[in-house]
PDB file of N, CA and C in Angstrom:
ATOM      1  N   MET A   1     131.980  44.235  71.274  1.00  0.00           N
ATOM      2  CA  MET A   1     132.665  45.113  72.179  1.00  0.00           C
ATOM      3  C   MET A   1     133.129  44.289  73.379  1.00  0.00           C
ATOM      4  N   LYS A   2     134.342  44.528  73.820  1.00  0.00           N
ATOM      5  CA  LYS A   2     134.883  43.810  74.972  1.00  0.00           C
ATOM      6  C   LYS A   2     134.782  44.690  76.207  1.00  0.00           C
ATOM      7  N   LEU A   3     134.337  44.072  77.295  1.00  0.00           N
ATOM      8  CA  LEU A   3     134.242  44.749  78.581  1.00  0.00           C
ATOM      9  C   LEU A   3     135.092  44.007  79.589  1.00  0.00           C
ATOM     10  N   ASN A   4     135.703  44.757  80.469  1.00  0.00           N
ATOM     11  CA  ASN A   4     136.438  44.195  81.584  1.00  0.00           C
ATOM     12  C   ASN A   4     135.624  44.504  82.834  1.00  0.00           C
ATOM     13  N   LEU A   5     135.048  43.483  83.439  1.00  0.00           N
ATOM     14  CA  LEU A   5     134.280  43.660  84.670  1.00  0.00           C
ATOM     15  C   LEU A   5     135.272  43.681  85.820  1.00  0.00           C
ATOM     16  N   LEU A   6     135.316  44.794  86.535  1.00  0.00           N
ATOM     17  CA  LEU A   6     136.342  45.004  87.543  1.00  0.00           C
ATOM     18  C   LEU A   6     135.955  44.507  88.929  1.00  0.00           C
ATOM     19  N   SER A   7     134.763  44.879  89.376  1.00  0.00           N
ATOM     20  CA  SER A   7     134.341  44.499  90.721  1.00  0.00           C
ATOM     21  C   SER A   7     132.840  44.691  90.863  1.00  0.00           C
ATOM     22  N   CYS A   8     132.317  44.150  91.942  1.00  0.00           N
ATOM     23  CA  CYS A   8     130.908  44.325  92.281  1.00  0.00           C
ATOM     24  C   CYS A   8     130.867  45.006  93.641  1.00  0.00           C
ATOM     25  N   ASP A   9     130.294  46.212  93.691  1.00  0.00           N
ATOM     26  CA  ASP A   9     130.275  46.997  94.920  1.00  0.00           C
ATOM     27  C   ASP A   9     128.984  46.860  95.708  1.00  0.00           C
ATOM     28  N   ALA A  10     128.129  45.929  95.331  1.00  0.00           N
ATOM     29  CA  ALA A  10     126.864  45.746  96.036  1.00  0.00           C
ATOM     30  C   ALA A  10     127.127  45.251  97.458  1.00  0.00           C
ATOM     31  N   HIS A  11     126.315  45.725  98.382  1.00  0.00           N
ATOM     32  CA  HIS A  11     126.460  45.319  99.781  1.00  0.00           C
ATOM     33  C   HIS A  11     126.213  43.820  99.937  1.00  0.00           C
ATOM     34  N   ARG A  12     125.166  43.326  99.287  1.00  0.00           N
ATOM     35  CA  ARG A  12     124.855  41.893  99.282  1.00  0.00           C
ATOM     36  C   ARG A  12     124.611  41.478  97.844  1.00  0.00           C
ATOM     37  N   PRO A  13     125.670  41.116  97.111  1.00  0.00           N
ATOM     38  CA  PRO A  13     125.506  40.783  95.697  1.00  0.00           C
ATOM     39  C   PRO A  13     124.633  39.545  95.483  1.00  0.00           C
ATOM     40  N   ASP A  14     123.777  39.625  94.501  1.00  0.00           N
ATOM     41  CA  ASP A  14     122.880  38.522  94.144  1.00  0.00           C
ATOM     42  C   ASP A  14     123.563  37.702  93.054  1.00  0.00           C
ATOM     43  N   LYS A  15     124.156  36.577  93.459  1.00  0.00           N
ATOM     44  CA  LYS A  15     124.931  35.755  92.522  1.00  0.00           C
ATOM     45  C   LYS A  15     124.091  35.277  91.352  1.00  0.00           C
ATOM     46  N   ARG A  16     122.859  34.890  91.624  1.00  0.00           N
ATOM     47  CA  ARG A  16     122.003  34.378  90.553  1.00  0.00           C
ATOM     48  C   ARG A  16     121.663  35.482  89.552  1.00  0.00           C
ATOM     49  N   ALA A  17     121.365  36.686  90.042  1.00  0.00           N
ATOM     50  CA  ALA A  17     121.054  37.800  89.146  1.00  0.00           C
ATOM     51  C   ALA A  17     122.258  38.188  88.298  1.00  0.00           C
ATOM     52  N   ILE A  18     123.445  38.175  88.901  1.00  0.00           N
ATOM     53  CA  ILE A  18     124.661  38.509  88.157  1.00  0.00           C
ATOM     54  C   ILE A  18     124.932  37.450  87.091  1.00  0.00           C
ATOM     55  N   ALA A  19     124.807  36.176  87.455  1.00  0.00           N
ATOM     56  CA  ALA A  19     125.029  35.097  86.484  1.00  0.00           C
ATOM     57  C   ALA A  19     124.027  35.181  85.342  1.00  0.00           C
ATOM     58  N   ASN A  20     122.764  35.455  85.649  1.00  0.00           N
ATOM     59  CA  ASN A  20     121.754  35.599  84.598  1.00  0.00           C
ATOM     60  C   ASN A  20     122.065  36.776  83.689  1.00  0.00           C
ATOM     61  N   CYS A  21     122.511  37.879  84.274  1.00  0.00           N
ATOM     62  CA  CYS A  21     122.874  39.054  83.488  1.00  0.00           C
ATOM     63  C   CYS A  21     124.035  38.735  82.550  1.00  0.00           C
ATOM     64  N   LEU A  22     125.069  38.101  83.071  1.00  0.00           N
ATOM     65  CA  LEU A  22     126.217  37.745  82.231  1.00  0.00           C
ATOM     66  C   LEU A  22     125.812  36.792  81.118  1.00  0.00           C
ATOM     67  N   SER A  23     124.941  35.857  81.449  1.00  0.00           N
ATOM     68  CA  SER A  23     124.467  34.900  80.458  1.00  0.00           C
ATOM     69  C   SER A  23     123.723  35.600  79.327  1.00  0.00           C
ATOM     70  N   GLU A  24     122.911  36.591  79.672  1.00  0.00           N
ATOM     71  CA  GLU A  24     122.118  37.301  78.672  1.00  0.00           C
ATOM     72  C   GLU A  24     122.939  38.278  77.827  1.00  0.00           C
ATOM     73  N   ILE A  25     123.789  39.071  78.472  1.00  0.00           N
ATOM     74  CA  ILE A  25     124.486  40.114  77.715  1.00  0.00           C
ATOM     75  C   ILE A  25     125.694  39.592  76.953  1.00  0.00           C
ATOM     76  N   ALA A  26     126.298  38.496  77.434  1.00  0.00           N
ATOM     77  CA  ALA A  26     127.499  37.987  76.781  1.00  0.00           C
ATOM     78  C   ALA A  26     127.247  36.667  76.051  1.00  0.00           C
ATOM     79  N   PHE A  27     125.998  36.219  76.031  1.00  0.00           N
ATOM     80  CA  PHE A  27     125.628  34.983  75.342  1.00  0.00           C
ATOM     81  C   PHE A  27     126.475  33.798  75.814  1.00  0.00           C
ATOM     82  N   LEU A  28     126.537  33.633  77.141  1.00  0.00           N
ATOM     83  CA  LEU A  28     127.282  32.537  77.762  1.00  0.00           C
ATOM     84  C   LEU A  28     126.306  31.466  78.217  1.00  0.00           C
ATOM     85  N   ASP A  29     126.793  30.222  78.339  1.00  0.00           N
ATOM     86  CA  ASP A  29     125.931  29.207  78.931  1.00  0.00           C
ATOM     87  C   ASP A  29     125.896  29.411  80.447  1.00  0.00           C
ATOM     88  N   ALA A  30     124.931  28.817  81.095  1.00  0.00           N
ATOM     89  CA  ALA A  30     124.686  29.076  82.510  1.00  0.00           C
ATOM     90  C   ALA A  30     125.866  28.702  83.399  1.00  0.00           C
ATOM     91  N   SER A  31     126.521  27.580  83.117  1.00  0.00           N
ATOM     92  CA  SER A  31     127.631  27.157  83.981  1.00  0.00           C
ATOM     93  C   SER A  31     128.826  28.100  83.880  1.00  0.00           C
ATOM     94  N   LEU A  32     129.123  28.571  82.681  1.00  0.00           N
ATOM     95  CA  LEU A  32     130.225  29.526  82.523  1.00  0.00           C
ATOM     96  C   LEU A  32     129.874  30.858  83.176  1.00  0.00           C
ATOM     97  N   ALA A  33     128.640  31.282  83.062  1.00  0.00           N
ATOM     98  CA  ALA A  33     128.207  32.535  83.691  1.00  0.00           C
ATOM     99  C   ALA A  33     128.342  32.447  85.209  1.00  0.00           C
ATOM    100  N   ARG A  34     127.972  31.303  85.801  1.00  0.00           N
ATOM    101  CA  ARG A  34     128.127  31.124  87.250  1.00  0.00           C
ATOM    102  C   ARG A  34     129.591  31.131  87.658  1.00  0.00           C
ATOM    103  N   GLU A  35     130.435  30.499  86.858  1.00  0.00           N
ATOM    104  CA  GLU A  35     131.870  30.460  87.152  1.00  0.00           C
ATOM    105  C   GLU A  35     132.475  31.874  87.093  1.00  0.00           C
ATOM    106  N   LEU A  36     132.121  32.634  86.058  1.00  0.00           N
ATOM    107  CA  LEU A  36     132.627  34.004  85.943  1.00  0.00           C
ATOM    108  C   LEU A  36     132.100  34.896  87.064  1.00  0.00           C
ATOM    109  N   THR A  37     130.874  34.641  87.500  1.00  0.00           N
ATOM    110  CA  THR A  37     130.310  35.390  88.628  1.00  0.00           C
ATOM    111  C   THR A  37     131.117  35.131  89.888  1.00  0.00           C
ATOM    112  N   ASP A  38     131.456  33.873  90.140  1.00  0.00           N
ATOM    113  CA  ASP A  38     132.268  33.540  91.315  1.00  0.00           C
ATOM    114  C   ASP A  38     133.631  34.220  91.249  1.00  0.00           C
ATOM    115  N   ILE A  39     134.234  34.229  90.084  1.00  0.00           N
ATOM    116  CA  ILE A  39     135.539  34.879  89.910  1.00  0.00           C
ATOM    117  C   ILE A  39     135.424  36.369  90.184  1.00  0.00           C
ATOM    118  N   LEU A  40     134.385  36.995  89.643  1.00  0.00           N
ATOM    119  CA  LEU A  40     134.175  38.435  89.841  1.00  0.00           C
ATOM    120  C   LEU A  40     133.963  38.761  91.315  1.00  0.00           C
ATOM    121  N   LEU A  41     133.158  37.970  92.001  1.00  0.00           N
ATOM    122  CA  LEU A  41     132.868  38.244  93.410  1.00  0.00           C
ATOM    123  C   LEU A  41     134.047  37.947  94.328  1.00  0.00           C
ATOM    124  N   GLU A  42     134.998  37.153  93.853  1.00  0.00           N
ATOM    125  CA  GLU A  42     136.226  36.932  94.619  1.00  0.00           C
ATOM    126  C   GLU A  42     137.186  38.115  94.497  1.00  0.00           C
ATOM    127  N   GLY A  43     136.917  39.011  93.551  1.00  0.00           N
ATOM    128  CA  GLY A  43     137.724  40.211  93.414  1.00  0.00           C
ATOM    129  C   GLY A  43     138.606  40.253  92.191  1.00  0.00           C
ATOM    130  N   ASP A  44     138.538  39.240  91.342  1.00  0.00           N
ATOM    131  CA  ASP A  44     139.349  39.219  90.133  1.00  0.00           C
ATOM    132  C   ASP A  44     138.541  39.772  88.952  1.00  0.00           C
ATOM    133  N   PRO A  45     139.187  40.523  88.063  1.00  0.00           N
ATOM    134  CA  PRO A  45     138.467  41.042  86.889  1.00  0.00           C
ATOM    135  C   PRO A  45     138.110  39.932  85.905  1.00  0.00           C
ATOM    136  N   VAL A  46     137.060  40.172  85.140  1.00  0.00           N
ATOM    137  CA  VAL A  46     136.553  39.211  84.167  1.00  0.00           C
ATOM    138  C   VAL A  46     136.339  39.932  82.843  1.00  0.00           C
ATOM    139  N   ASP A  47     136.819  39.347  81.745  1.00  0.00           N
ATOM    140  CA  ASP A  47     136.601  39.906  80.405  1.00  0.00           C
ATOM    141  C   ASP A  47     135.431  39.194  79.747  1.00  0.00           C
ATOM    142  N   ILE A  48     134.521  39.986  79.154  1.00  0.00           N
ATOM    143  CA  ILE A  48     133.406  39.408  78.407  1.00  0.00           C
ATOM    144  C   ILE A  48     133.270  40.142  77.081  1.00  0.00           C
ATOM    145  N   GLU A  49     132.596  39.514  76.150  1.00  0.00           N
ATOM    146  CA  GLU A  49     132.319  40.081  74.826  1.00  0.00           C
ATOM    147  C   GLU A  49     130.819  40.345  74.736  1.00  0.00           C
ATOM    148  N   VAL A  50     130.459  41.581  74.386  1.00  0.00           N
ATOM    149  CA  VAL A  50     129.063  41.983  74.270  1.00  0.00           C
ATOM    150  C   VAL A  50     128.813  42.450  72.842  1.00  0.00           C
ATOM    151  N   ALA A  51     127.694  42.030  72.257  1.00  0.00           N
ATOM    152  CA  ALA A  51     127.333  42.495  70.918  1.00  0.00           C
ATOM    153  C   ALA A  51     127.039  43.990  70.967  1.00  0.00           C
ATOM    154  N   ASP A  52     127.482  44.721  69.944  1.00  0.00           N
ATOM    155  CA  ASP A  52     127.300  46.170  69.920  1.00  0.00           C
ATOM    156  C   ASP A  52     125.836  46.579  70.016  1.00  0.00           C
ATOM    157  N   LYS A  53     124.942  45.783  69.453  1.00  0.00           N
ATOM    158  CA  LYS A  53     123.526  46.149  69.499  1.00  0.00           C
ATOM    159  C   LYS A  53     122.951  46.006  70.897  1.00  0.00           C
ATOM    160  N   ASN A  54     123.611  45.261  71.771  1.00  0.00           N
ATOM    161  CA  ASN A  54     123.146  45.066  73.148  1.00  0.00           C
ATOM    162  C   ASN A  54     123.897  45.926  74.151  1.00  0.00           C
ATOM    163  N   SER A  55     124.765  46.799  73.696  1.00  0.00           N
ATOM    164  CA  SER A  55     125.656  47.497  74.614  1.00  0.00           C
ATOM    165  C   SER A  55     124.921  48.402  75.598  1.00  0.00           C
ATOM    166  N   SER A  56     123.920  49.151  75.161  1.00  0.00           N
ATOM    167  CA  SER A  56     123.249  50.068  76.085  1.00  0.00           C
ATOM    168  C   SER A  56     122.499  49.308  77.169  1.00  0.00           C
ATOM    169  N   SER A  57     121.834  48.225  76.816  1.00  0.00           N
ATOM    170  CA  SER A  57     121.129  47.441  77.837  1.00  0.00           C
ATOM    171  C   SER A  57     122.134  46.727  78.749  1.00  0.00           C
ATOM    172  N   ALA A  58     123.276  46.335  78.202  1.00  0.00           N
ATOM    173  CA  ALA A  58     124.311  45.703  79.021  1.00  0.00           C
ATOM    174  C   ALA A  58     124.846  46.677  80.059  1.00  0.00           C
ATOM    175  N   PHE A  59     125.125  47.906  79.646  1.00  0.00           N
ATOM    176  CA  PHE A  59     125.625  48.911  80.584  1.00  0.00           C
ATOM    177  C   PHE A  59     124.609  49.173  81.692  1.00  0.00           C
ATOM    178  N   ARG A  60     123.351  49.282  81.318  1.00  0.00           N
ATOM    179  CA  ARG A  60     122.285  49.538  82.284  1.00  0.00           C
ATOM    180  C   ARG A  60     122.178  48.378  83.283  1.00  0.00           C
ATOM    181  N   SER A  61     122.236  47.161  82.791  1.00  0.00           N
ATOM    182  CA  SER A  61     122.147  45.988  83.664  1.00  0.00           C
ATOM    183  C   SER A  61     123.322  45.910  84.627  1.00  0.00           C
ATOM    184  N   LEU A  62     124.510  46.194  84.136  1.00  0.00           N
ATOM    185  CA  LEU A  62     125.698  46.149  84.990  1.00  0.00           C
ATOM    186  C   LEU A  62     125.649  47.227  86.065  1.00  0.00           C
ATOM    187  N   ARG A  63     125.208  48.422  85.699  1.00  0.00           N
ATOM    188  CA  ARG A  63     125.086  49.488  86.702  1.00  0.00           C
ATOM    189  C   ARG A  63     124.050  49.134  87.754  1.00  0.00           C
ATOM    190  N   LYS A  64     122.937  48.527  87.346  1.00  0.00           N
ATOM    191  CA  LYS A  64     121.885  48.146  88.279  1.00  0.00           C
ATOM    192  C   LYS A  64     122.393  47.125  89.294  1.00  0.00           C
ATOM    193  N   LEU A  65     123.303  46.258  88.886  1.00  0.00           N
ATOM    194  CA  LEU A  65     123.875  45.249  89.776  1.00  0.00           C
ATOM    195  C   LEU A  65     125.118  45.746  90.508  1.00  0.00           C
ATOM    196  N   SER A  66     125.451  47.031  90.364  1.00  0.00           N
ATOM    197  CA  SER A  66     126.623  47.657  91.017  1.00  0.00           C
ATOM    198  C   SER A  66     127.929  47.023  90.592  1.00  0.00           C
ATOM    199  N   ILE A  67     128.030  46.705  89.304  1.00  0.00           N
ATOM    200  CA  ILE A  67     129.259  46.122  88.763  1.00  0.00           C
ATOM    201  C   ILE A  67     130.041  47.211  88.040  1.00  0.00           C
ATOM    202  N   ASP A  68     131.273  47.422  88.468  1.00  0.00           N
ATOM    203  CA  ASP A  68     132.162  48.380  87.818  1.00  0.00           C
ATOM    204  C   ASP A  68     132.786  47.710  86.602  1.00  0.00           C
ATOM    205  N   TYR A  69     132.882  48.455  85.515  1.00  0.00           N
ATOM    206  CA  TYR A  69     133.422  47.895  84.282  1.00  0.00           C
ATOM    207  C   TYR A  69     134.218  48.950  83.544  1.00  0.00           C
ATOM    208  N   GLU A  70     135.031  48.486  82.587  1.00  0.00           N
ATOM    209  CA  GLU A  70     135.713  49.383  81.679  1.00  0.00           C
ATOM    210  C   GLU A  70     135.591  48.794  80.272  1.00  0.00           C
ATOM    211  N   ILE A  71     135.528  49.674  79.296  1.00  0.00           N
ATOM    212  CA  ILE A  71     135.400  49.255  77.901  1.00  0.00           C
ATOM    213  C   ILE A  71     136.790  49.055  77.349  1.00  0.00           C
ATOM    214  N   LEU A  72     137.050  47.860  76.805  1.00  0.00           N
ATOM    215  CA  LEU A  72     138.353  47.563  76.229  1.00  0.00           C
ATOM    216  C   LEU A  72     138.374  47.853  74.735  1.00  0.00           C
ATOM    217  N   GLU A  73     137.319  47.514  74.023  1.00  0.00           N
ATOM    218  CA  GLU A  73     137.236  47.756  72.574  1.00  0.00           C
ATOM    219  C   GLU A  73     135.855  48.210  72.213  1.00  0.00           C
TER     220      GLU A  73
END
């Protein structure tokens, strides 16, 4: 399933927690997850691929980090 991460509305976003979340739910290496986190926090949308079996935990993790997303596929 493809997700478009739109923005992070957290008052003080935790970059490390967001990068770890992206690494876990999208099976990315740590450096790419950090790069995508920086892009997201700058205000640009980010597309990621999530396995269907992990989708419910991915949604929960993204909501906990105050990340707005939309489902593309």
